[in-house]
């Protein structure tokens, strides 16, 4: 089974995203900031990360750059930024830093499923 890491400082958002990805066939882990996420990725074979931008301790952009620069990882997970940041230059910055996709909040299961389908990541698809 594929493993998804849900990273958001909001417990409610983590629970909602977790339910969505579990409905789509993933096992899910949670992290409430970028540093927790980096630690999780280093100790678990994560296939997908759904990552918030604005978080305490380490923000999503710094978290993604840290993960993308880590050559010790057995595999690089697919990263979907999921945020309220909607300025074109922010989206461009995230993609240039290694984001595979970008989702605006608020979102629903159909939007997440569509992104995973585009990326070829829906289990069983």
PDB file of N, CA and C in Angstrom:
ATOM      1  N   UNK A   1       0.839  -1.186   0.000  1.00  0.00           N
ATOM      2  CA  UNK A   1       0.000   0.000   0.000  1.00  0.00           C
ATOM      3  C   UNK A   1       0.883   1.249   0.000  1.00  0.00           C
ATOM      4  N   UNK A   2       0.467   2.243  -0.755  1.00  0.00           N
ATOM      5  CA  UNK A   2       1.229   3.492  -0.839  1.00  0.00           C
ATOM      6  C   UNK A   2       1.054   4.306   0.432  1.00  0.00           C
ATOM      7  N   UNK A   3       2.087   5.090   0.752  1.00  0.00           N
ATOM      8  CA  UNK A   3       2.110   5.863   1.987  1.00  0.00           C
ATOM      9  C   UNK A   3       2.127   7.358   1.681  1.00  0.00           C
ATOM     10  N   UNK A   4       1.205   8.091   2.307  1.00  0.00           N
ATOM     11  CA  UNK A   4       1.099   9.542   2.133  1.00  0.00           C
ATOM     12  C   UNK A   4       1.374  10.217   3.469  1.00  0.00           C
ATOM     13  N   UNK A   5       2.171  11.266   3.438  1.00  0.00           N
ATOM     14  CA  UNK A   5       2.423  12.094   4.614  1.00  0.00           C
ATOM     15  C   UNK A   5       1.650  13.400   4.455  1.00  0.00           C
ATOM     16  N   UNK A   6       0.767  13.670   5.402  1.00  0.00           N
ATOM     17  CA  UNK A   6      -0.046  14.883   5.401  1.00  0.00           C
ATOM     18  C   UNK A   6       0.601  15.875   6.372  1.00  0.00           C
ATOM     19  N   UNK A   7       1.015  17.035   5.849  1.00  0.00           N
ATOM     20  CA  UNK A   7       1.746  18.004   6.659  1.00  0.00           C
ATOM     21  C   UNK A   7       0.982  19.324   6.696  1.00  0.00           C
ATOM     22  N   UNK A   8       0.463  19.661   7.878  1.00  0.00           N
ATOM     23  CA  UNK A   8      -0.271  20.917   8.052  1.00  0.00           C
ATOM     24  C   UNK A   8      -0.288  21.234   9.536  1.00  0.00           C
ATOM     25  N   UNK A   9      -0.187  22.510   9.897  1.00  0.00           N
ATOM     26  CA  UNK A   9      -0.213  22.869  11.312  1.00  0.00           C
ATOM     27  C   UNK A   9      -1.632  22.828  11.884  1.00  0.00           C
ATOM     28  N   UNK A  10      -2.640  22.711  11.026  1.00  0.00           N
ATOM     29  CA  UNK A  10      -4.023  22.595  11.471  1.00  0.00           C
ATOM     30  C   UNK A  10      -4.409  21.118  11.610  1.00  0.00           C
ATOM     31  N   UNK A  11      -4.773  20.732  12.827  1.00  0.00           N
ATOM     32  CA  UNK A  11      -5.181  19.351  13.081  1.00  0.00           C
ATOM     33  C   UNK A  11      -6.415  18.992  12.239  1.00  0.00           C
ATOM     34  N   UNK A  12      -7.336  19.935  12.095  1.00  0.00           N
ATOM     35  CA  UNK A  12      -8.556  19.687  11.314  1.00  0.00           C
ATOM     36  C   UNK A  12      -8.212  19.419   9.856  1.00  0.00           C
ATOM     37  N   UNK A  13      -7.343  20.242   9.273  1.00  0.00           N
ATOM     38  CA  UNK A  13      -6.940  20.039   7.880  1.00  0.00           C
ATOM     39  C   UNK A  13      -6.253  18.680   7.733  1.00  0.00           C
ATOM     40  N   UNK A  14      -5.364  18.322   8.674  1.00  0.00           N
ATOM     41  CA  UNK A  14      -4.696  17.016   8.602  1.00  0.00           C
ATOM     42  C   UNK A  14      -5.715  15.883   8.599  1.00  0.00           C
ATOM     43  N   UNK A  15      -6.723  15.984   9.477  1.00  0.00           N
ATOM     44  CA  UNK A  15      -7.742  14.928   9.557  1.00  0.00           C
ATOM     45  C   UNK A  15      -8.539  14.825   8.252  1.00  0.00           C
ATOM     46  N   UNK A  16      -8.918  15.966   7.680  1.00  0.00           N
ATOM     47  CA  UNK A  16      -9.683  15.980   6.425  1.00  0.00           C
ATOM     48  C   UNK A  16      -8.857  15.371   5.290  1.00  0.00           C
ATOM     49  N   UNK A  17      -7.603  15.816   5.152  1.00  0.00           N
ATOM     50  CA  UNK A  17      -6.749  15.302   4.076  1.00  0.00           C
ATOM     51  C   UNK A  17      -6.464  13.819   4.299  1.00  0.00           C
ATOM     52  N   UNK A  18      -6.238  13.429   5.530  1.00  0.00           N
ATOM     53  CA  UNK A  18      -5.992  12.010   5.836  1.00  0.00           C
ATOM     54  C   UNK A  18      -7.166  11.155   5.376  1.00  0.00           C
ATOM     55  N   UNK A  19      -8.396  11.598   5.697  1.00  0.00           N
ATOM     56  CA  UNK A  19      -9.601  10.854   5.293  1.00  0.00           C
ATOM     57  C   UNK A  19      -9.674  10.756   3.766  1.00  0.00           C
ATOM     58  N   UNK A  20      -9.380  11.859   3.085  1.00  0.00           N
ATOM     59  CA  UNK A  20      -9.414  11.860   1.616  1.00  0.00           C
ATOM     60  C   UNK A  20      -8.423  10.848   1.052  1.00  0.00           C
ATOM     61  N   UNK A  21      -7.165  10.901   1.493  1.00  0.00           N
ATOM     62  CA  UNK A  21      -6.154  10.005   0.909  1.00  0.00           C
ATOM     63  C   UNK A  21      -6.401   8.556   1.293  1.00  0.00           C
ATOM     64  N   UNK A  22      -6.939   8.322   2.498  1.00  0.00           N
ATOM     65  CA  UNK A  22      -7.275   6.945   2.873  1.00  0.00           C
ATOM     66  C   UNK A  22      -8.422   6.422   2.014  1.00  0.00           C
ATOM     67  N   UNK A  23      -9.401   7.279   1.701  1.00  0.00           N
ATOM     68  CA  UNK A  23     -10.487   6.894   0.783  1.00  0.00           C
ATOM     69  C   UNK A  23      -9.950   6.564  -0.603  1.00  0.00           C
ATOM     70  N   UNK A  24      -8.819   7.177  -0.966  1.00  0.00           N
ATOM     71  CA  UNK A  24      -8.222   6.963  -2.287  1.00  0.00           C
ATOM     72  C   UNK A  24      -7.208   5.807  -2.292  1.00  0.00           C
ATOM     73  N   UNK A  25      -7.096   5.090  -1.178  1.00  0.00           N
ATOM     74  CA  UNK A  25      -6.270   3.890  -1.152  1.00  0.00           C
ATOM     75  C   UNK A  25      -4.887   4.023  -0.541  1.00  0.00           C
ATOM     76  N   UNK A  26      -4.613   5.132   0.118  1.00  0.00           N
ATOM     77  CA  UNK A  26      -3.311   5.346   0.752  1.00  0.00           C
ATOM     78  C   UNK A  26      -3.368   5.048   2.248  1.00  0.00           C
ATOM     79  N   UNK A  27      -2.231   4.665   2.814  1.00  0.00           N
ATOM     80  CA  UNK A  27      -2.039   4.738   4.254  1.00  0.00           C
ATOM     81  C   UNK A  27      -1.551   6.152   4.503  1.00  0.00           C
ATOM     82  N   UNK A  28      -1.837   6.696   5.698  1.00  0.00           N
ATOM     83  CA  UNK A  28      -1.450   8.086   5.940  1.00  0.00           C
ATOM     84  C   UNK A  28      -0.724   8.260   7.272  1.00  0.00           C
ATOM     85  N   UNK A  29       0.280   9.121   7.229  1.00  0.00           N
ATOM     86  CA  UNK A  29       0.979   9.607   8.415  1.00  0.00           C
ATOM     87  C   UNK A  29       0.713  11.102   8.485  1.00  0.00           C
ATOM     88  N   UNK A  30       0.908  11.688   9.663  1.00  0.00           N
ATOM     89  CA  UNK A  30       0.697  13.128   9.812  1.00  0.00           C
ATOM     90  C   UNK A  30       1.918  13.787  10.440  1.00  0.00           C
ATOM     91  N   UNK A  31       2.114  15.054  10.079  1.00  0.00           N
ATOM     92  CA  UNK A  31       3.131  15.891  10.714  1.00  0.00           C
ATOM     93  C   UNK A  31       2.548  17.294  10.821  1.00  0.00           C
ATOM     94  N   UNK A  32       2.875  17.995  11.924  1.00  0.00           N
ATOM     95  CA  UNK A  32       2.280  19.324  12.093  1.00  0.00           C
ATOM     96  C   UNK A  32       3.209  20.472  11.722  1.00  0.00           C
ATOM     97  N   UNK A  33       4.439  20.158  11.276  1.00  0.00           N
ATOM     98  CA  UNK A  33       5.328  21.210  10.773  1.00  0.00           C
ATOM     99  C   UNK A  33       6.381  20.569   9.870  1.00  0.00           C
ATOM    100  N   UNK A  34       7.140  21.411   9.213  1.00  0.00           N
ATOM    101  CA  UNK A  34       8.118  20.929   8.250  1.00  0.00           C
ATOM    102  C   UNK A  34       9.204  20.064   8.852  1.00  0.00           C
ATOM    103  N   UNK A  35       9.652  20.380  10.052  1.00  0.00           N
ATOM    104  CA  UNK A  35      10.711  19.582  10.671  1.00  0.00           C
ATOM    105  C   UNK A  35      10.219  18.177  10.988  1.00  0.00           C
ATOM    106  N   UNK A  36       8.989  18.073  11.510  1.00  0.00           N
ATOM    107  CA  UNK A  36       8.397  16.747  11.745  1.00  0.00           C
ATOM    108  C   UNK A  36       8.297  15.967  10.440  1.00  0.00           C
ATOM    109  N   UNK A  37       7.926  16.670   9.381  1.00  0.00           N
ATOM    110  CA  UNK A  37       7.794  16.022   8.072  1.00  0.00           C
ATOM    111  C   UNK A  37       9.132  15.472   7.591  1.00  0.00           C
ATOM    112  N   UNK A  38      10.184  16.262   7.701  1.00  0.00           N
ATOM    113  CA  UNK A  38      11.516  15.810   7.280  1.00  0.00           C
ATOM    114  C   UNK A  38      11.908  14.568   8.074  1.00  0.00           C
ATOM    115  N   UNK A  39      11.656  14.580   9.392  1.00  0.00           N
ATOM    116  CA  UNK A  39      11.977  13.423  10.225  1.00  0.00           C
ATOM    117  C   UNK A  39      11.187  12.186   9.792  1.00  0.00           C
ATOM    118  N   UNK A  40       9.904  12.363   9.485  1.00  0.00           N
ATOM    119  CA  UNK A  40       9.049  11.252   9.041  1.00  0.00           C
ATOM    120  C   UNK A  40       9.557  10.670   7.721  1.00  0.00           C
ATOM    121  N   UNK A  41       9.895  11.545   6.777  1.00  0.00           N
ATOM    122  CA  UNK A  41      10.354  11.097   5.457  1.00  0.00           C
ATOM    123  C   UNK A  41      11.665  10.323   5.578  1.00  0.00           C
ATOM    124  N   UNK A  42      12.514  10.733   6.500  1.00  0.00           N
ATOM    125  CA  UNK A  42      13.798  10.044   6.677  1.00  0.00           C
ATOM    126  C   UNK A  42      13.632   8.661   7.302  1.00  0.00           C
ATOM    127  N   UNK A  43      12.506   8.412   7.972  1.00  0.00           N
ATOM    128  CA  UNK A  43      12.329   7.109   8.627  1.00  0.00           C
ATOM    129  C   UNK A  43      11.207   6.260   8.031  1.00  0.00           C
ATOM    130  N   UNK A  44      10.521   6.760   7.022  1.00  0.00           N
ATOM    131  CA  UNK A  44       9.425   6.016   6.378  1.00  0.00           C
ATOM    132  C   UNK A  44       9.511   6.157   4.861  1.00  0.00           C
ATOM    133  N   UNK A  45       9.192   5.080   4.138  1.00  0.00           N
ATOM    134  CA  UNK A  45       9.228   5.147   2.664  1.00  0.00           C
ATOM    135  C   UNK A  45       7.979   5.837   2.106  1.00  0.00           C
ATOM    136  N   UNK A  46       7.943   7.153   2.221  1.00  0.00           N
ATOM    137  CA  UNK A  46       6.781   7.949   1.819  1.00  0.00           C
ATOM    138  C   UNK A  46       6.732   8.084   0.298  1.00  0.00           C
ATOM    139  N   UNK A  47       5.554   7.831  -0.290  1.00  0.00           N
ATOM    140  CA  UNK A  47       5.359   7.958  -1.736  1.00  0.00           C
ATOM    141  C   UNK A  47       4.867   9.347  -2.123  1.00  0.00           C
ATOM    142  N   UNK A  48       4.088   9.952  -1.226  1.00  0.00           N
ATOM    143  CA  UNK A  48       3.402  11.204  -1.523  1.00  0.00           C
ATOM    144  C   UNK A  48       3.388  12.082  -0.282  1.00  0.00           C
ATOM    145  N   UNK A  49       3.616  13.373  -0.488  1.00  0.00           N
ATOM    146  CA  UNK A  49       3.484  14.343   0.608  1.00  0.00           C
ATOM    147  C   UNK A  49       2.488  15.407   0.165  1.00  0.00           C
ATOM    148  N   UNK A  50       1.495  15.660   0.997  1.00  0.00           N
ATOM    149  CA  UNK A  50       0.598  16.791   0.787  1.00  0.00           C
ATOM    150  C   UNK A  50       0.993  17.810   1.842  1.00  0.00           C
ATOM    151  N   UNK A  51       1.522  18.936   1.372  1.00  0.00           N
ATOM    152  CA  UNK A  51       2.304  19.836   2.210  1.00  0.00           C
ATOM    153  C   UNK A  51       1.735  21.246   2.254  1.00  0.00           C
ATOM    154  N   UNK A  52       1.466  21.724   3.465  1.00  0.00           N
ATOM    155  CA  UNK A  52       1.032  23.105   3.678  1.00  0.00           C
ATOM    156  C   UNK A  52       2.246  24.029   3.534  1.00  0.00           C
ATOM    157  N   UNK A  53       2.015  25.277   3.189  1.00  0.00           N
ATOM    158  CA  UNK A  53       3.102  26.233   3.038  1.00  0.00           C
ATOM    159  C   UNK A  53       3.430  26.917   4.370  1.00  0.00           C
ATOM    160  N   UNK A  54       2.419  27.539   4.977  1.00  0.00           N
ATOM    161  CA  UNK A  54       2.637  28.375   6.160  1.00  0.00           C
ATOM    162  C   UNK A  54       2.491  27.562   7.447  1.00  0.00           C
ATOM    163  N   UNK A  55       3.638  27.259   8.076  1.00  0.00           N
ATOM    164  CA  UNK A  55       3.652  26.493   9.320  1.00  0.00           C
ATOM    165  C   UNK A  55       4.756  27.016  10.225  1.00  0.00           C
ATOM    166  N   UNK A  56       4.614  26.805  11.541  1.00  0.00           N
ATOM    167  CA  UNK A  56       5.693  27.176  12.462  1.00  0.00           C
ATOM    168  C   UNK A  56       6.854  26.182  12.360  1.00  0.00           C
ATOM    169  N   UNK A  57       7.930  26.473  13.032  1.00  0.00           N
ATOM    170  CA  UNK A  57       9.141  25.657  13.124  1.00  0.00           C
ATOM    171  C   UNK A  57       9.883  25.620  11.790  1.00  0.00           C
ATOM    172  N   UNK A  58       9.282  25.006  10.761  1.00  0.00           N
ATOM    173  CA  UNK A  58       9.858  24.984   9.409  1.00  0.00           C
ATOM    174  C   UNK A  58       8.696  25.041   8.426  1.00  0.00           C
ATOM    175  N   UNK A  59       8.681  26.040   7.538  1.00  0.00           N
ATOM    176  CA  UNK A  59       7.562  26.149   6.598  1.00  0.00           C
ATOM    177  C   UNK A  59       7.665  25.113   5.486  1.00  0.00           C
ATOM    178  N   UNK A  60       6.611  25.009   4.700  1.00  0.00           N
ATOM    179  CA  UNK A  60       6.538  23.994   3.655  1.00  0.00           C
ATOM    180  C   UNK A  60       7.623  24.119   2.600  1.00  0.00           C
ATOM    181  N   UNK A  61       7.947  25.343   2.216  1.00  0.00           N
ATOM    182  CA  UNK A  61       8.972  25.543   1.190  1.00  0.00           C
ATOM    183  C   UNK A  61      10.336  25.048   1.687  1.00  0.00           C
ATOM    184  N   UNK A  62      10.694  25.412   2.911  1.00  0.00           N
ATOM    185  CA  UNK A  62      11.970  24.971   3.482  1.00  0.00           C
ATOM    186  C   UNK A  62      11.984  23.448   3.656  1.00  0.00           C
ATOM    187  N   UNK A  63      10.856  22.909   4.080  1.00  0.00           N
ATOM    188  CA  UNK A  63      10.720  21.458   4.242  1.00  0.00           C
ATOM    189  C   UNK A  63      10.968  20.749   2.907  1.00  0.00           C
ATOM    190  N   UNK A  64      10.322  21.242   1.850  1.00  0.00           N
ATOM    191  CA  UNK A  64      10.471  20.617   0.540  1.00  0.00           C
ATOM    192  C   UNK A  64      11.913  20.714   0.050  1.00  0.00           C
ATOM    193  N   UNK A  65      12.531  21.862   0.214  1.00  0.00           N
ATOM    194  CA  UNK A  65      13.931  22.032  -0.218  1.00  0.00           C
ATOM    195  C   UNK A  65      14.842  21.061   0.542  1.00  0.00           C
ATOM    196  N   UNK A  66      14.588  20.871   1.841  1.00  0.00           N
ATOM    197  CA  UNK A  66      15.384  19.952   2.652  1.00  0.00           C
ATOM    198  C   UNK A  66      15.223  18.515   2.155  1.00  0.00           C
ATOM    199  N   UNK A  67      13.984  18.118   1.880  1.00  0.00           N
ATOM    200  CA  UNK A  67      13.715  16.758   1.385  1.00  0.00           C
ATOM    201  C   UNK A  67      14.336  16.563   0.007  1.00  0.00           C
ATOM    202  N   UNK A  68      14.154  17.528  -0.872  1.00  0.00           N
ATOM    203  CA  UNK A  68      14.690  17.404  -2.243  1.00  0.00           C
ATOM    204  C   UNK A  68      16.228  17.348  -2.246  1.00  0.00           C
ATOM    205  N   UNK A  69      16.868  17.963  -1.258  1.00  0.00           N
ATOM    206  CA  UNK A  69      18.335  17.987  -1.203  1.00  0.00           C
ATOM    207  C   UNK A  69      18.917  16.759  -0.500  1.00  0.00           C
ATOM    208  N   UNK A  70      18.060  15.918   0.091  1.00  0.00           N
ATOM    209  CA  UNK A  70      18.529  14.782   0.887  1.00  0.00           C
ATOM    210  C   UNK A  70      18.845  13.585  -0.019  1.00  0.00           C
ATOM    211  N   UNK A  71      20.114  13.394  -0.318  1.00  0.00           N
ATOM    212  CA  UNK A  71      20.529  12.304  -1.215  1.00  0.00           C
ATOM    213  C   UNK A  71      20.494  10.946  -0.526  1.00  0.00           C
ATOM    214  N   UNK A  72      20.321  10.920   0.794  1.00  0.00           N
ATOM    215  CA  UNK A  72      20.263   9.647   1.526  1.00  0.00           C
ATOM    216  C   UNK A  72      18.896   8.973   1.403  1.00  0.00           C
ATOM    217  N   UNK A  73      17.897   9.704   0.914  1.00  0.00           N
ATOM    218  CA  UNK A  73      16.564   9.103   0.772  1.00  0.00           C
ATOM    219  C   UNK A  73      16.572   8.033  -0.308  1.00  0.00           C
ATOM    220  N   UNK A  74      15.951   6.907  -0.006  1.00  0.00           N
ATOM    221  CA  UNK A  74      15.872   5.811  -0.976  1.00  0.00           C
ATOM    222  C   UNK A  74      15.064   6.240  -2.201  1.00  0.00           C
ATOM    223  N   UNK A  75      14.053   7.061  -1.991  1.00  0.00           N
ATOM    224  CA  UNK A  75      13.240   7.564  -3.100  1.00  0.00           C
ATOM    225  C   UNK A  75      12.794   8.981  -2.777  1.00  0.00           C
ATOM    226  N   UNK A  76      12.564   9.762  -3.813  1.00  0.00           N
ATOM    227  CA  UNK A  76      12.034  11.108  -3.614  1.00  0.00           C
ATOM    228  C   UNK A  76      10.510  11.037  -3.729  1.00  0.00           C
ATOM    229  N   UNK A  77       9.798  11.443  -2.692  1.00  0.00           N
ATOM    230  CA  UNK A  77       8.338  11.414  -2.774  1.00  0.00           C
ATOM    231  C   UNK A  77       7.799  12.494  -3.710  1.00  0.00           C
ATOM    232  N   UNK A  78       6.611  12.244  -4.233  1.00  0.00           N
ATOM    233  CA  UNK A  78       5.887  13.265  -4.980  1.00  0.00           C
ATOM    234  C   UNK A  78       5.360  14.258  -3.946  1.00  0.00           C
ATOM    235  N   UNK A  79       5.479  15.550  -4.245  1.00  0.00           N
ATOM    236  CA  UNK A  79       5.022  16.573  -3.303  1.00  0.00           C
ATOM    237  C   UNK A  79       3.948  17.436  -3.953  1.00  0.00           C
ATOM    238  N   UNK A  80       2.788  17.502  -3.282  1.00  0.00           N
ATOM    239  CA  UNK A  80       1.705  18.389  -3.692  1.00  0.00           C
ATOM    240  C   UNK A  80       1.589  19.480  -2.644  1.00  0.00           C
ATOM    241  N   UNK A  81       1.833  20.726  -3.047  1.00  0.00           N
ATOM    242  CA  UNK A  81       1.643  21.857  -2.141  1.00  0.00           C
ATOM    243  C   UNK A  81       0.154  22.112  -2.033  1.00  0.00           C
ATOM    244  N   UNK A  82      -0.309  22.319  -0.814  1.00  0.00           N
ATOM    245  CA  UNK A  82      -1.723  22.515  -0.557  1.00  0.00           C
ATOM    246  C   UNK A  82      -1.829  23.724   0.365  1.00  0.00           C
ATOM    247  N   UNK A  83      -2.229  24.872  -0.174  1.00  0.00           N
ATOM    248  CA  UNK A  83      -2.072  26.108   0.591  1.00  0.00           C
ATOM    249  C   UNK A  83      -3.060  27.187   0.181  1.00  0.00           C
ATOM    250  N   UNK A  84      -3.086  28.249   0.951  1.00  0.00           N
ATOM    251  CA  UNK A  84      -3.898  29.424   0.617  1.00  0.00           C
ATOM    252  C   UNK A  84      -3.113  30.412  -0.235  1.00  0.00           C
ATOM    253  N   UNK A  85      -1.811  30.189  -0.396  1.00  0.00           N
ATOM    254  CA  UNK A  85      -0.986  31.085  -1.229  1.00  0.00           C
ATOM    255  C   UNK A  85      -1.438  30.964  -2.688  1.00  0.00           C
ATOM    256  N   UNK A  86      -1.903  32.054  -3.269  1.00  0.00           N
ATOM    257  CA  UNK A  86      -2.415  31.974  -4.639  1.00  0.00           C
ATOM    258  C   UNK A  86      -1.731  32.920  -5.609  1.00  0.00           C
ATOM    259  N   UNK A  87      -0.681  33.596  -5.171  1.00  0.00           N
ATOM    260  CA  UNK A  87       0.044  34.490  -6.072  1.00  0.00           C
ATOM    261  C   UNK A  87       0.870  33.658  -7.046  1.00  0.00           C
ATOM    262  N   UNK A  88       0.864  34.066  -8.306  1.00  0.00           N
ATOM    263  CA  UNK A  88       1.575  33.307  -9.334  1.00  0.00           C
ATOM    264  C   UNK A  88       3.048  33.102  -8.983  1.00  0.00           C
ATOM    265  N   UNK A  89       3.695  34.151  -8.446  1.00  0.00           N
ATOM    266  CA  UNK A  89       5.132  34.007  -8.141  1.00  0.00           C
ATOM    267  C   UNK A  89       5.373  32.989  -7.021  1.00  0.00           C
ATOM    268  N   UNK A  90       4.421  32.850  -6.086  1.00  0.00           N
ATOM    269  CA  UNK A  90       4.545  31.843  -5.018  1.00  0.00           C
ATOM    270  C   UNK A  90       4.402  30.437  -5.616  1.00  0.00           C
ATOM    271  N   UNK A  91       3.422  30.270  -6.486  1.00  0.00           N
ATOM    272  CA  UNK A  91       3.209  28.970  -7.136  1.00  0.00           C
ATOM    273  C   UNK A  91       4.448  28.605  -7.947  1.00  0.00           C
ATOM    274  N   UNK A  92       4.963  29.568  -8.692  1.00  0.00           N
ATOM    275  CA  UNK A  92       6.160  29.351  -9.503  1.00  0.00           C
ATOM    276  C   UNK A  92       7.355  28.996  -8.612  1.00  0.00           C
ATOM    277  N   UNK A  93       7.494  29.679  -7.478  1.00  0.00           N
ATOM    278  CA  UNK A  93       8.585  29.407  -6.547  1.00  0.00           C
ATOM    279  C   UNK A  93       8.497  27.959  -6.026  1.00  0.00           C
ATOM    280  N   UNK A  94       7.300  27.517  -5.679  1.00  0.00           N
ATOM    281  CA  UNK A  94       7.106  26.156  -5.173  1.00  0.00           C
ATOM    282  C   UNK A  94       7.452  25.116  -6.237  1.00  0.00           C
ATOM    283  N   UNK A  95       7.007  25.344  -7.457  1.00  0.00           N
ATOM    284  CA  UNK A  95       7.282  24.400  -8.551  1.00  0.00           C
ATOM    285  C   UNK A  95       8.777  24.373  -8.862  1.00  0.00           C
ATOM    286  N   UNK A  96       9.400  25.541  -8.886  1.00  0.00           N
ATOM    287  CA  UNK A  96      10.841  25.608  -9.156  1.00  0.00           C
ATOM    288  C   UNK A  96      11.646  24.901  -8.069  1.00  0.00           C
ATOM    289  N   UNK A  97      11.139  24.909  -6.827  1.00  0.00           N
ATOM    290  CA  UNK A  97      11.838  24.281  -5.701  1.00  0.00           C
ATOM    291  C   UNK A  97      11.580  22.772  -5.629  1.00  0.00           C
ATOM    292  N   UNK A  98      10.675  22.273  -6.484  1.00  0.00           N
ATOM    293  CA  UNK A  98      10.488  20.830  -6.522  1.00  0.00           C
ATOM    294  C   UNK A  98       9.084  20.306  -6.312  1.00  0.00           C
ATOM    295  N   UNK A  99       8.085  21.177  -6.197  1.00  0.00           N
ATOM    296  CA  UNK A  99       6.703  20.700  -6.057  1.00  0.00           C
ATOM    297  C   UNK A  99       6.251  20.060  -7.361  1.00  0.00           C
ATOM    298  N   UNK A 100       5.572  18.921  -7.260  1.00  0.00           N
ATOM    299  CA  UNK A 100       5.040  18.250  -8.445  1.00  0.00           C
ATOM    300  C   UNK A 100       3.690  18.824  -8.857  1.00  0.00           C
ATOM    301  N   UNK A 101       2.931  19.302  -7.891  1.00  0.00           N
ATOM    302  CA  UNK A 101       1.606  19.871  -8.146  1.00  0.00           C
ATOM    303  C   UNK A 101       1.286  20.896  -7.073  1.00  0.00           C
ATOM    304  N   UNK A 102       0.175  21.612  -7.265  1.00  0.00           N
ATOM    305  CA  UNK A 102      -0.202  22.706  -6.386  1.00  0.00           C
ATOM    306  C   UNK A 102      -1.717  22.700  -6.253  1.00  0.00           C
ATOM    307  N   UNK A 103      -2.233  22.694  -5.030  1.00  0.00           N
ATOM    308  CA  UNK A 103      -3.669  22.694  -4.781  1.00  0.00           C
ATOM    309  C   UNK A 103      -4.003  23.874  -3.873  1.00  0.00           C
ATOM    310  N   UNK A 104      -5.038  24.602  -4.225  1.00  0.00           N
ATOM    311  CA  UNK A 104      -5.482  25.728  -3.408  1.00  0.00           C
ATOM    312  C   UNK A 104      -6.474  25.271  -2.346  1.00  0.00           C
ATOM    313  N   UNK A 105      -6.360  25.844  -1.147  1.00  0.00           N
ATOM    314  CA  UNK A 105      -7.389  25.644  -0.129  1.00  0.00           C
ATOM    315  C   UNK A 105      -8.488  26.658  -0.402  1.00  0.00           C
ATOM    316  N   UNK A 106      -9.736  26.330  -0.201  1.00  0.00           N
ATOM    317  CA  UNK A 106     -10.266  25.023   0.186  1.00  0.00           C
ATOM    318  C   UNK A 106     -10.283  24.066  -1.001  1.00  0.00           C
ATOM    319  N   UNK A 107     -10.276  22.786  -0.707  1.00  0.00           N
ATOM    320  CA  UNK A 107     -10.279  21.745  -1.730  1.00  0.00           C
ATOM    321  C   UNK A 107     -11.178  20.627  -1.244  1.00  0.00           C
ATOM    322  N   UNK A 108     -11.408  19.646  -2.110  1.00  0.00           N
ATOM    323  CA  UNK A 108     -12.205  18.494  -1.698  1.00  0.00           C
ATOM    324  C   UNK A 108     -11.590  17.221  -2.281  1.00  0.00           C
ATOM    325  N   UNK A 109     -12.226  16.105  -2.035  1.00  0.00           N
ATOM    326  CA  UNK A 109     -11.686  14.819  -2.479  1.00  0.00           C
ATOM    327  C   UNK A 109     -11.527  14.765  -3.997  1.00  0.00           C
ATOM    328  N   UNK A 110     -12.474  15.346  -4.738  1.00  0.00           N
ATOM    329  CA  UNK A 110     -12.404  15.314  -6.204  1.00  0.00           C
ATOM    330  C   UNK A 110     -11.160  16.057  -6.709  1.00  0.00           C
ATOM    331  N   UNK A 111     -10.821  17.164  -6.079  1.00  0.00           N
ATOM    332  CA  UNK A 111      -9.634  17.934  -6.496  1.00  0.00           C
ATOM    333  C   UNK A 111      -8.361  17.137  -6.221  1.00  0.00           C
ATOM    334  N   UNK A 112      -8.251  16.555  -5.021  1.00  0.00           N
ATOM    335  CA  UNK A 112      -7.074  15.747  -4.676  1.00  0.00           C
ATOM    336  C   UNK A 112      -6.992  14.528  -5.600  1.00  0.00           C
ATOM    337  N   UNK A 113      -8.116  13.857  -5.807  1.00  0.00           N
ATOM    338  CA  UNK A 113      -8.142  12.678  -6.697  1.00  0.00           C
ATOM    339  C   UNK A 113      -7.712  13.060  -8.109  1.00  0.00           C
ATOM    340  N   UNK A 114      -8.162  14.223  -8.582  1.00  0.00           N
ATOM    341  CA  UNK A 114      -7.784  14.687  -9.915  1.00  0.00           C
ATOM    342  C   UNK A 114      -6.287  14.913 -10.036  1.00  0.00           C
ATOM    343  N   UNK A 115      -5.696  15.535  -9.029  1.00  0.00           N
ATOM    344  CA  UNK A 115      -4.241  15.770  -9.036  1.00  0.00           C
ATOM    345  C   UNK A 115      -3.490  14.439  -9.012  1.00  0.00           C
ATOM    346  N   UNK A 116      -3.934  13.500  -8.156  1.00  0.00           N
ATOM    347  CA  UNK A 116      -3.265  12.197  -8.084  1.00  0.00           C
ATOM    348  C   UNK A 116      -3.400  11.438  -9.398  1.00  0.00           C
ATOM    349  N   UNK A 117      -4.542  11.574 -10.044  1.00  0.00           N
ATOM    350  CA  UNK A 117      -4.752  10.927 -11.339  1.00  0.00           C
ATOM    351  C   UNK A 117      -3.807  11.520 -12.389  1.00  0.00           C
ATOM    352  N   UNK A 118      -3.701  12.856 -12.404  1.00  0.00           N
ATOM    353  CA  UNK A 118      -2.780  13.536 -13.341  1.00  0.00           C
ATOM    354  C   UNK A 118      -1.353  13.041 -13.146  1.00  0.00           C
ATOM    355  N   UNK A 119      -0.982  12.789 -11.893  1.00  0.00           N
ATOM    356  CA  UNK A 119       0.382  12.363 -11.566  1.00  0.00           C
ATOM    357  C   UNK A 119       0.563  10.843 -11.679  1.00  0.00           C
ATOM    358  N   UNK A 120      -0.516  10.123 -12.011  1.00  0.00           N
ATOM    359  CA  UNK A 120      -0.431   8.673 -12.110  1.00  0.00           C
ATOM    360  C   UNK A 120      -0.277   7.993 -10.754  1.00  0.00           C
ATOM    361  N   UNK A 121      -0.841   8.603  -9.717  1.00  0.00           N
ATOM    362  CA  UNK A 121      -0.642   8.116  -8.355  1.00  0.00           C
ATOM    363  C   UNK A 121      -1.881   7.556  -7.678  1.00  0.00           C
ATOM    364  N   UNK A 122      -2.957   7.374  -8.414  1.00  0.00           N
ATOM    365  CA  UNK A 122      -4.107   6.763  -7.777  1.00  0.00           C
ATOM    366  C   UNK A 122      -3.878   5.265  -7.715  1.00  0.00           C
ATOM    367  N   UNK A 123      -3.790   4.686  -6.526  1.00  0.00           N
ATOM    368  CA  UNK A 123      -3.591   3.234  -6.443  1.00  0.00           C
ATOM    369  C   UNK A 123      -4.683   2.505  -7.220  1.00  0.00           C
ATOM    370  N   UNK A 124      -4.275   1.515  -7.975  1.00  0.00           N
ATOM    371  CA  UNK A 124      -5.222   0.753  -8.770  1.00  0.00           C
ATOM    372  C   UNK A 124      -5.617   1.425 -10.077  1.00  0.00           C
ATOM    373  N   UNK A 125      -5.128   2.643 -10.320  1.00  0.00           N
ATOM    374  CA  UNK A 125      -5.473   3.346 -11.565  1.00  0.00           C
ATOM    375  C   UNK A 125      -4.481   3.007 -12.662  1.00  0.00           C
TER     376      UNK A 125
END
